[in-house]
Protein backbone atom coordinates (compact mmCIF):
# COMPACT_ATOMS: atom_id res chain seq x y z
CA UNK A 1 0.37 0.11 0.54
CA UNK A 2 1.31 3.42 -1.16
CA UNK A 3 0.89 6.96 -0.34
CA UNK A 4 0.54 8.99 -3.17
CA UNK A 5 2.89 11.88 -3.57
CA UNK A 6 3.55 14.48 -6.22
CA UNK A 7 3.98 18.49 -6.75
CA UNK A 8 8.30 18.05 -6.46
CA UNK A 9 10.22 19.92 -9.11
CA UNK A 10 12.57 22.35 -9.71
CA UNK A 11 12.08 26.16 -8.18
CA UNK A 12 14.49 28.44 -7.59
CA UNK A 13 15.72 29.73 -4.62
CA UNK A 14 13.06 32.28 -2.55
CA UNK A 15 10.19 30.32 -4.72
CA UNK A 16 7.48 28.12 -3.66
CA UNK A 17 5.94 24.34 -3.79
CA UNK A 18 2.82 23.02 -2.95
CA UNK A 19 3.50 18.71 -1.97
CA UNK A 20 0.21 16.69 -1.83
CA UNK A 21 -0.04 12.71 -1.13
CA UNK A 22 -3.30 11.10 -1.91
CA UNK A 23 -4.34 8.05 0.15
CA UNK A 24 -5.68 4.73 -2.45
CA UNK A 25 -8.93 3.50 -1.69
CA UNK A 26 -6.89 0.90 0.46
CA UNK A 27 -6.94 2.83 3.51
CA UNK A 28 -9.30 5.65 3.51
CA UNK A 29 -11.25 3.97 5.64
CA UNK A 30 -8.17 4.54 7.65
CA UNK A 31 -7.28 7.14 7.14
CA UNK A 32 -8.87 10.34 8.99
CA UNK A 33 -7.32 8.25 11.93
CA UNK A 34 -3.69 8.45 10.51
CA UNK A 35 -1.45 10.41 12.20
CA UNK A 36 0.32 12.81 8.80
CA UNK A 37 3.66 14.08 8.45
CA UNK A 38 6.11 14.96 5.72
CA UNK A 39 10.15 12.98 5.49
CA UNK A 40 12.44 14.65 3.42
CA UNK A 41 16.29 12.13 2.57
CA UNK A 42 19.14 14.25 0.88
CA UNK A 43 21.99 13.05 -0.69
CA UNK A 44 24.98 10.57 1.64
CA UNK A 45 22.03 12.16 4.39
CA UNK A 46 20.19 10.08 6.46
CA UNK A 47 16.12 10.39 6.06
CA UNK A 48 13.95 13.21 8.42
CA UNK A 49 10.79 14.72 9.85
CA UNK A 50 9.79 18.17 7.92
CA UNK A 51 6.31 18.24 9.81
CA UNK A 52 3.86 15.96 11.13
CA UNK A 53 -0.46 17.28 11.74
CA UNK A 54 -2.72 14.52 13.72
CA UNK A 55 -5.67 12.89 12.72
CA UNK A 56 -7.04 16.19 14.69
CA UNK A 57 -4.77 18.57 13.34
CA UNK A 58 -1.73 20.04 16.35
CA UNK A 59 0.86 20.06 13.72
CA UNK A 60 5.06 20.65 14.70
CA UNK A 61 8.02 20.71 11.79
CA UNK A 62 11.36 21.04 12.28
CA UNK A 63 13.23 24.23 13.50
CA UNK A 64 14.79 24.32 10.34
CA UNK A 65 11.68 24.94 8.22
CA UNK A 66 9.37 26.92 11.11
CA UNK A 67 7.83 29.89 8.92
CA UNK A 68 8.41 28.90 5.71
CA UNK A 69 6.11 25.43 5.84
CA UNK A 70 2.67 24.86 6.22
CA UNK A 71 1.60 20.73 6.82
CA UNK A 72 -2.21 20.23 6.12
CA UNK A 73 -4.40 17.90 5.52
CA UNK A 74 -8.46 17.94 4.44
CA UNK A 75 -10.27 14.43 5.38
CA UNK A 76 -13.24 14.73 3.34
CA UNK A 77 -10.59 14.22 0.73
CA UNK A 78 -8.09 12.12 2.17
CA UNK A 79 -5.37 14.23 1.49
CA UNK A 80 -2.09 15.84 3.30
CA UNK A 81 -0.55 18.83 1.56
CA UNK A 82 3.15 20.57 2.51
CA UNK A 83 3.38 24.48 1.31
CA UNK A 84 6.79 25.23 0.70
CA UNK A 85 7.05 29.08 0.75
CA UNK A 86 10.35 30.82 0.70
CA UNK A 87 12.39 27.85 -0.06
CA UNK A 88 16.31 27.50 -0.24
CA UNK A 89 18.94 24.74 -1.68
CA UNK A 90 19.02 23.10 1.45
CA UNK A 91 15.61 22.09 1.46
CA UNK A 92 16.69 19.51 -2.05
CA UNK A 93 15.66 16.25 -1.43
CA UNK A 94 13.58 13.87 -2.10
CA UNK A 95 10.30 13.69 -0.05
CA UNK A 96 7.52 11.23 1.52
CA UNK A 97 4.98 11.83 3.02
CA UNK A 98 3.63 8.60 6.05
CA UNK A 99 1.71 7.97 7.62
CA UNK A 100 1.18 6.09 10.90
CA UNK A 101 -1.42 4.82 14.00
CA UNK A 102 -1.55 2.20 16.69
CA UNK A 103 1.26 -0.15 14.52
CA UNK A 104 0.57 0.83 11.55
CA UNK A 105 2.58 2.58 9.20
CA UNK A 106 2.24 4.18 5.31
CA UNK A 107 4.44 5.57 2.44
CA UNK A 108 4.72 6.81 -0.08
CA UNK A 109 7.42 6.63 -3.25
CA UNK A 110 8.30 9.94 -2.62
CA UNK A 111 8.57 13.51 -5.01
CA UNK A 112 11.70 14.95 -5.60
CA UNK A 113 12.29 18.95 -4.82
CA UNK A 114 15.77 20.73 -6.28
CA UNK A 115 15.70 24.20 -5.21
CA UNK A 116 18.94 26.01 -6.94
CA UNK A 117 20.69 28.74 -6.04
């Protein structure tokens, strides 16, 4: 089961991108209780948690993206978004969507974000 991540691309520093994550039909019935998150992995680095939003809508961010990124979810559409503003070259990575709760863990295939200086 894979979440469907999209919206990556090449953008200049200071620009914006909006990532989207869609739940496949096989898990739409369990989507609402899931805590959703975006991770990223840059070449040669470990995967890191970027932003997380709970089933209740509370969110938290890694310090490096606070004030620039916003995670949101629309349960009715089974979608999660990551609005990324004021992008920096160090934001370049493959971004992955994740959903988890009570031992269940779902990942997406990743979408490449490249920020040029």
